[in-house]
PDB file of N, CA and C in Angstrom:
ATOM      1  N   MET A   1       0.972  -1.179  -0.010  1.00  0.00           N
ATOM      2  CA  MET A   1      -0.126   0.146  -0.176  1.00  0.00           C
ATOM      3  C   MET A   1       0.885   1.178   0.146  1.00  0.00           C
ATOM      4  N   PRO A   2       0.802   2.209  -0.811  1.00  0.00           N
ATOM      5  CA  PRO A   2       1.433   3.519  -1.001  1.00  0.00           C
ATOM      6  C   PRO A   2       1.262   4.353   0.194  1.00  0.00           C
ATOM      7  N   THR A   3       2.313   4.887   0.628  1.00  0.00           N
ATOM      8  CA  THR A   3       2.585   5.595   1.775  1.00  0.00           C
ATOM      9  C   THR A   3       2.048   7.104   1.294  1.00  0.00           C
ATOM     10  N   GLU A   4       1.784   8.168   2.135  1.00  0.00           N
ATOM     11  CA  GLU A   4       1.594   9.460   1.977  1.00  0.00           C
ATOM     12  C   GLU A   4       2.573   9.900   1.372  1.00  0.00           C
ATOM     13  N   SER A   5       3.856   9.927   1.749  1.00  0.00           N
ATOM     14  CA  SER A   5       5.329  10.588   1.074  1.00  0.00           C
ATOM     15  C   SER A   5       5.349   9.979  -0.338  1.00  0.00           C
ATOM     16  N   ASP A   6       4.910   8.778  -0.548  1.00  0.00           N
ATOM     17  CA  ASP A   6       5.113   7.903  -1.973  1.00  0.00           C
ATOM     18  C   ASP A   6       4.195   8.593  -2.939  1.00  0.00           C
ATOM     19  N   GLU A   7       3.067   9.131  -2.219  1.00  0.00           N
ATOM     20  CA  GLU A   7       2.037   9.753  -3.365  1.00  0.00           C
ATOM     21  C   GLU A   7       2.414  11.201  -3.580  1.00  0.00           C
ATOM     22  N   GLU A   8       3.249  11.834  -2.622  1.00  0.00           N
ATOM     23  CA  GLU A   8       3.856  13.213  -3.130  1.00  0.00           C
ATOM     24  C   GLU A   8       5.152  13.276  -3.796  1.00  0.00           C
ATOM     25  N   THR A   9       5.987  11.903  -3.732  1.00  0.00           N
ATOM     26  CA  THR A   9       6.785  12.010  -4.794  1.00  0.00           C
ATOM     27  C   THR A   9       6.714  11.803  -5.933  1.00  0.00           C
ATOM     28  N   PRO A  10       7.105  12.940  -6.952  1.00  0.00           N
ATOM     29  CA  PRO A  10       6.885  12.772  -8.245  1.00  0.00           C
ATOM     30  C   PRO A  10       7.642  11.746  -9.183  1.00  0.00           C
ATOM     31  N   THR A  11       6.897  11.362 -10.053  1.00  0.00           N
ATOM     32  CA  THR A  11       7.635  10.308 -10.663  1.00  0.00           C
ATOM     33  C   THR A  11       7.783  10.875 -12.204  1.00  0.00           C
ATOM     34  N   VAL A  12       8.653   9.968 -12.968  1.00  0.00           N
ATOM     35  CA  VAL A  12       9.282  10.524 -14.359  1.00  0.00           C
ATOM     36  C   VAL A  12       9.130   9.396 -15.034  1.00  0.00           C
ATOM     37  N   PRO A  13       8.294   9.523 -16.524  1.00  0.00           N
ATOM     38  CA  PRO A  13       8.276   8.523 -17.254  1.00  0.00           C
ATOM     39  C   PRO A  13       9.520   7.957 -17.791  1.00  0.00           C
ATOM     40  N   VAL A  14      10.052   6.611 -17.906  1.00  0.00           N
ATOM     41  CA  VAL A  14      11.138   5.992 -18.572  1.00  0.00           C
ATOM     42  C   VAL A  14      10.551   5.136 -19.672  1.00  0.00           C
ATOM     43  N   VAL A  15      11.259   5.422 -20.867  1.00  0.00           N
ATOM     44  CA  VAL A  15      11.073   4.241 -21.653  1.00  0.00           C
ATOM     45  C   VAL A  15      12.294   3.710 -22.235  1.00  0.00           C
ATOM     46  N   CYS A  16      12.028   2.678 -22.619  1.00  0.00           N
ATOM     47  CA  CYS A  16      13.059   1.496 -23.285  1.00  0.00           C
ATOM     48  C   CYS A  16      12.850   1.350 -24.877  1.00  0.00           C
ATOM     49  N   SER A  17      13.345   1.896 -25.700  1.00  0.00           N
ATOM     50  CA  SER A  17      13.100   1.422 -27.061  1.00  0.00           C
ATOM     51  C   SER A  17      13.351   0.161 -27.613  1.00  0.00           C
ATOM     52  N   GLU A  18      14.457  -0.529 -26.493  1.00  0.00           N
ATOM     53  CA  GLU A  18      14.691  -1.890 -27.057  1.00  0.00           C
ATOM     54  C   GLU A  18      13.652  -2.811 -26.713  1.00  0.00           C
ATOM     55  N   CYS A  19      13.221  -2.536 -25.538  1.00  0.00           N
ATOM     56  CA  CYS A  19      12.096  -3.671 -24.846  1.00  0.00           C
ATOM     57  C   CYS A  19      10.846  -3.274 -25.267  1.00  0.00           C
ATOM     58  N   GLU A  20      10.635  -1.908 -25.768  1.00  0.00           N
ATOM     59  CA  GLU A  20       9.537  -1.273 -25.993  1.00  0.00           C
ATOM     60  C   GLU A  20       8.681  -1.301 -24.647  1.00  0.00           C
ATOM     61  N   THR A  21       8.947  -0.777 -23.773  1.00  0.00           N
ATOM     62  CA  THR A  21       8.352  -0.599 -22.326  1.00  0.00           C
ATOM     63  C   THR A  21       8.523   0.804 -22.111  1.00  0.00           C
ATOM     64  N   ARG A  22       7.551   1.178 -21.245  1.00  0.00           N
ATOM     65  CA  ARG A  22       7.419   2.380 -20.634  1.00  0.00           C
ATOM     66  C   ARG A  22       6.686   2.187 -19.046  1.00  0.00           C
ATOM     67  N   THR A  23       7.570   2.990 -18.082  1.00  0.00           N
ATOM     68  CA  THR A  23       7.027   3.031 -16.920  1.00  0.00           C
ATOM     69  C   THR A  23       7.273   4.450 -16.295  1.00  0.00           C
ATOM     70  N   ARG A  24       6.983   4.337 -14.986  1.00  0.00           N
ATOM     71  CA  ARG A  24       7.258   5.508 -14.012  1.00  0.00           C
ATOM     72  C   ARG A  24       7.846   5.352 -13.197  1.00  0.00           C
ATOM     73  N   VAL A  25       8.660   6.353 -12.801  1.00  0.00           N
ATOM     74  CA  VAL A  25       9.683   5.938 -11.645  1.00  0.00           C
ATOM     75  C   VAL A  25       9.831   7.056 -10.669  1.00  0.00           C
ATOM     76  N   PRO A  26       9.962   6.980  -9.440  1.00  0.00           N
ATOM     77  CA  PRO A  26      10.038   8.132  -8.554  1.00  0.00           C
ATOM     78  C   PRO A  26      11.212   9.005  -9.006  1.00  0.00           C
ATOM     79  N   LEU A  27      11.167  10.124  -9.007  1.00  0.00           N
ATOM     80  CA  LEU A  27      12.264  11.205  -9.377  1.00  0.00           C
ATOM     81  C   LEU A  27      13.620  10.696  -8.693  1.00  0.00           C
ATOM     82  N   PRO A  28      13.641  10.636  -7.277  1.00  0.00           N
ATOM     83  CA  PRO A  28      15.100  10.106  -6.710  1.00  0.00           C
ATOM     84  C   PRO A  28      15.470   8.995  -7.085  1.00  0.00           C
ATOM     85  N   ASP A  29      14.789   8.059  -7.924  1.00  0.00           N
ATOM     86  CA  ASP A  29      15.301   6.700  -8.162  1.00  0.00           C
ATOM     87  C   ASP A  29      15.586   6.672  -9.706  1.00  0.00           C
ATOM     88  N   VAL A  30      15.540   7.585 -10.631  1.00  0.00           N
ATOM     89  CA  VAL A  30      15.368   7.572 -12.138  1.00  0.00           C
ATOM     90  C   VAL A  30      16.662   7.059 -12.638  1.00  0.00           C
ATOM     91  N   ALA A  31      18.067   7.790 -12.103  1.00  0.00           N
ATOM     92  CA  ALA A  31      19.395   7.435 -12.783  1.00  0.00           C
ATOM     93  C   ALA A  31      19.690   6.089 -12.317  1.00  0.00           C
ATOM     94  N   GLU A  32      19.382   5.511 -11.084  1.00  0.00           N
ATOM     95  CA  GLU A  32      19.639   4.351 -10.666  1.00  0.00           C
ATOM     96  C   GLU A  32      18.848   3.364 -11.559  1.00  0.00           C
ATOM     97  N   SER A  33      17.603   3.523 -11.753  1.00  0.00           N
ATOM     98  CA  SER A  33      16.661   2.640 -12.359  1.00  0.00           C
ATOM     99  C   SER A  33      17.015   2.432 -13.970  1.00  0.00           C
ATOM    100  N   ILE A  34      17.372   3.481 -14.295  1.00  0.00           N
ATOM    101  CA  ILE A  34      17.779   3.407 -15.812  1.00  0.00           C
ATOM    102  C   ILE A  34      18.963   2.508 -16.087  1.00  0.00           C
ATOM    103  N   GLU A  35      19.942   3.052 -15.227  1.00  0.00           N
ATOM    104  CA  GLU A  35      21.346   2.220 -15.339  1.00  0.00           C
ATOM    105  C   GLU A  35      21.152   0.956 -14.942  1.00  0.00           C
ATOM    106  N   ARG A  36      20.655   0.218 -13.897  1.00  0.00           N
ATOM    107  CA  ARG A  36      20.164  -1.023 -13.633  1.00  0.00           C
ATOM    108  C   ARG A  36      19.350  -1.958 -14.638  1.00  0.00           C
ATOM    109  N   HIS A  37      18.449  -1.030 -15.417  1.00  0.00           N
ATOM    110  CA  HIS A  37      17.986  -1.669 -16.617  1.00  0.00           C
ATOM    111  C   HIS A  37      18.658  -1.767 -17.432  1.00  0.00           C
ATOM    112  N   ASN A  38      19.641  -0.760 -17.756  1.00  0.00           N
ATOM    113  CA  ASN A  38      20.434  -1.073 -19.272  1.00  0.00           C
ATOM    114  C   ASN A  38      21.594  -1.929 -18.826  1.00  0.00           C
ATOM    115  N   GLU A  39      22.005  -2.104 -17.434  1.00  0.00           N
ATOM    116  CA  GLU A  39      23.105  -3.025 -17.203  1.00  0.00           C
ATOM    117  C   GLU A  39      22.446  -4.486 -17.315  1.00  0.00           C
ATOM    118  N   GLY A  40      21.419  -4.605 -16.631  1.00  0.00           N
ATOM    119  CA  GLY A  40      20.945  -5.915 -16.678  1.00  0.00           C
ATOM    120  C   GLY A  40      20.225  -6.460 -17.808  1.00  0.00           C
ATOM    121  N   LEU A  41      19.564  -5.702 -18.706  1.00  0.00           N
ATOM    122  CA  LEU A  41      18.985  -6.105 -19.848  1.00  0.00           C
ATOM    123  C   LEU A  41      19.798  -5.906 -21.201  1.00  0.00           C
ATOM    124  N   HIS A  42      20.440  -5.145 -21.000  1.00  0.00           N
ATOM    125  CA  HIS A  42      21.202  -4.408 -22.427  1.00  0.00           C
ATOM    126  C   HIS A  42      22.804  -4.557 -22.342  1.00  0.00           C
ATOM    127  N   ASP A  43      23.312  -5.205 -21.553  1.00  0.00           N
ATOM    128  CA  ASP A  43      24.851  -5.306 -21.433  1.00  0.00           C
ATOM    129  C   ASP A  43      25.111  -3.655 -21.202  1.00  0.00           C
ATOM    130  N   GLY A  44      24.696  -2.905 -20.665  1.00  0.00           N
ATOM    131  CA  GLY A  44      25.213  -1.578 -20.380  1.00  0.00           C
ATOM    132  C   GLY A  44      24.804  -0.665 -21.602  1.00  0.00           C
ATOM    133  N   GLU A  45      24.649  -1.097 -22.749  1.00  0.00           N
ATOM    134  CA  GLU A  45      24.239  -0.078 -23.869  1.00  0.00           C
ATOM    135  C   GLU A  45      22.837   0.494 -23.134  1.00  0.00           C
ATOM    136  N   GLU A  46      22.912   1.885 -23.621  1.00  0.00           N
ATOM    137  CA  GLU A  46      21.952   2.860 -23.382  1.00  0.00           C
ATOM    138  C   GLU A  46      20.672   2.891 -24.100  1.00  0.00           C
ATOM    139  N   HIS A  47      19.753   1.856 -23.672  1.00  0.00           N
ATOM    140  CA  HIS A  47      18.437   1.894 -24.564  1.00  0.00           C
ATOM    141  C   HIS A  47      17.468   2.692 -23.664  1.00  0.00           C
ATOM    142  N   ALA A  48      17.364   2.267 -22.423  1.00  0.00           N
ATOM    143  CA  ALA A  48      16.391   3.123 -21.453  1.00  0.00           C
ATOM    144  C   ALA A  48      16.947   4.436 -21.102  1.00  0.00           C
ATOM    145  N   GLU A  49      15.689   5.608 -20.914  1.00  0.00           N
ATOM    146  CA  GLU A  49      16.052   6.747 -21.126  1.00  0.00           C
ATOM    147  C   GLU A  49      14.741   7.375 -20.337  1.00  0.00           C
ATOM    148  N   VAL A  50      14.965   8.549 -19.956  1.00  0.00           N
ATOM    149  CA  VAL A  50      13.702   9.470 -19.467  1.00  0.00           C
ATOM    150  C   VAL A  50      13.021   9.868 -20.865  1.00  0.00           C
ATOM    151  N   ASP A  51      11.694   9.674 -20.886  1.00  0.00           N
ATOM    152  CA  ASP A  51      11.032  10.147 -22.128  1.00  0.00           C
ATOM    153  C   ASP A  51      11.720  11.218 -22.920  1.00  0.00           C
ATOM    154  N   PRO A  52      12.235  11.088 -24.018  1.00  0.00           N
ATOM    155  CA  PRO A  52      12.541  12.113 -24.738  1.00  0.00           C
ATOM    156  C   PRO A  52      11.802  13.342 -24.856  1.00  0.00           C
ATOM    157  N   GLU A  53      10.522  13.051 -25.060  1.00  0.00           N
ATOM    158  CA  GLU A  53       9.801  14.423 -25.044  1.00  0.00           C
ATOM    159  C   GLU A  53       9.706  14.769 -23.793  1.00  0.00           C
ATOM    160  N   LEU A  54       9.750  14.260 -22.794  1.00  0.00           N
ATOM    161  CA  LEU A  54       9.885  15.336 -21.593  1.00  0.00           C
ATOM    162  C   LEU A  54      11.225  15.987 -20.929  1.00  0.00           C
ATOM    163  N   ALA A  55      12.261  15.042 -21.542  1.00  0.00           N
ATOM    164  CA  ALA A  55      13.632  15.691 -21.573  1.00  0.00           C
ATOM    165  C   ALA A  55      13.695  16.883 -22.481  1.00  0.00           C
ATOM    166  N   GLU A  56      13.245  17.036 -23.547  1.00  0.00           N
ATOM    167  CA  GLU A  56      13.150  17.955 -24.171  1.00  0.00           C
ATOM    168  C   GLU A  56      12.383  19.342 -23.836  1.00  0.00           C
ATOM    169  N   HIS A  57      11.191  19.130 -22.911  1.00  0.00           N
ATOM    170  CA  HIS A  57      10.360  20.101 -22.569  1.00  0.00           C
ATOM    171  C   HIS A  57      11.091  20.403 -21.583  1.00  0.00           C
ATOM    172  N   LEU A  58      11.864  19.918 -20.545  1.00  0.00           N
ATOM    173  CA  LEU A  58      12.505  20.402 -19.832  1.00  0.00           C
ATOM    174  C   LEU A  58      13.631  21.261 -20.028  1.00  0.00           C
ATOM    175  N   ALA A  59      14.372  20.889 -21.040  1.00  0.00           N
ATOM    176  CA  ALA A  59      15.570  21.770 -21.466  1.00  0.00           C
ATOM    177  C   ALA A  59      14.914  22.855 -21.959  1.00  0.00           C
ATOM    178  N   ASP A  60      13.777  23.074 -22.757  1.00  0.00           N
ATOM    179  CA  ASP A  60      13.412  24.218 -23.293  1.00  0.00           C
ATOM    180  C   ASP A  60      13.024  25.140 -22.270  1.00  0.00           C
ATOM    181  N   ILE A  61      12.149  24.635 -20.963  1.00  0.00           N
ATOM    182  CA  ILE A  61      12.139  25.383 -19.821  1.00  0.00           C
ATOM    183  C   ILE A  61      13.424  25.809 -19.219  1.00  0.00           C
ATOM    184  N   VAL A  62      14.427  25.257 -19.087  1.00  0.00           N
ATOM    185  CA  VAL A  62      15.644  25.614 -18.629  1.00  0.00           C
ATOM    186  C   VAL A  62      16.135  26.792 -19.467  1.00  0.00           C
ATOM    187  N   ALA A  63      16.479  26.385 -20.577  1.00  0.00           N
ATOM    188  CA  ALA A  63      16.833  27.592 -21.590  1.00  0.00           C
ATOM    189  C   ALA A  63      16.006  28.976 -21.549  1.00  0.00           C
ATOM    190  N   GLU A  64      14.768  28.703 -21.532  1.00  0.00           N
ATOM    191  CA  GLU A  64      13.892  29.998 -21.220  1.00  0.00           C
ATOM    192  C   GLU A  64      14.173  30.654 -19.981  1.00  0.00           C
ATOM    193  N   GLU A  65      14.401  29.898 -18.851  1.00  0.00           N
ATOM    194  CA  GLU A  65      14.533  30.639 -17.347  1.00  0.00           C
ATOM    195  C   GLU A  65      15.905  31.266 -17.531  1.00  0.00           C
ATOM    196  N   MET A  66      16.808  30.614 -18.445  1.00  0.00           N
ATOM    197  CA  MET A  66      18.588  31.182 -18.378  1.00  0.00           C
ATOM    198  C   MET A  66      18.494  32.235 -19.493  1.00  0.00           C
ATOM    199  N   GLY A  67      17.202  32.466 -20.192  1.00  0.00           N
ATOM    200  CA  GLY A  67      17.524  33.654 -20.992  1.00  0.00           C
ATOM    201  C   GLY A  67      18.220  33.191 -22.267  1.00  0.00           C
ATOM    202  N   LEU A  68      18.424  32.164 -22.637  1.00  0.00           N
ATOM    203  CA  LEU A  68      18.929  31.473 -23.763  1.00  0.00           C
ATOM    204  C   LEU A  68      17.904  31.451 -25.026  1.00  0.00           C
ATOM    205  N   VAL A  69      16.534  31.517 -24.976  1.00  0.00           N
ATOM    206  CA  VAL A  69      15.696  31.364 -25.898  1.00  0.00           C
ATOM    207  C   VAL A  69      15.020  32.809 -26.041  1.00  0.00           C
TER     208      VAL A  69
END
């Protein structure tokens, strides 16, 4: 059963083009989850990643906030 803090922790969509899977991972666990997936299933090749659409959107927000756009 999820705890109250689990419900408050934001999740990030992670996709793997090789496995054709998509999941949501708690923000603090994203890097470790992606690394574990790629090491365990793809011999370290980087197939799993943060959803590219989200990554691009965040990059746009950061660039705008920094006055680069």
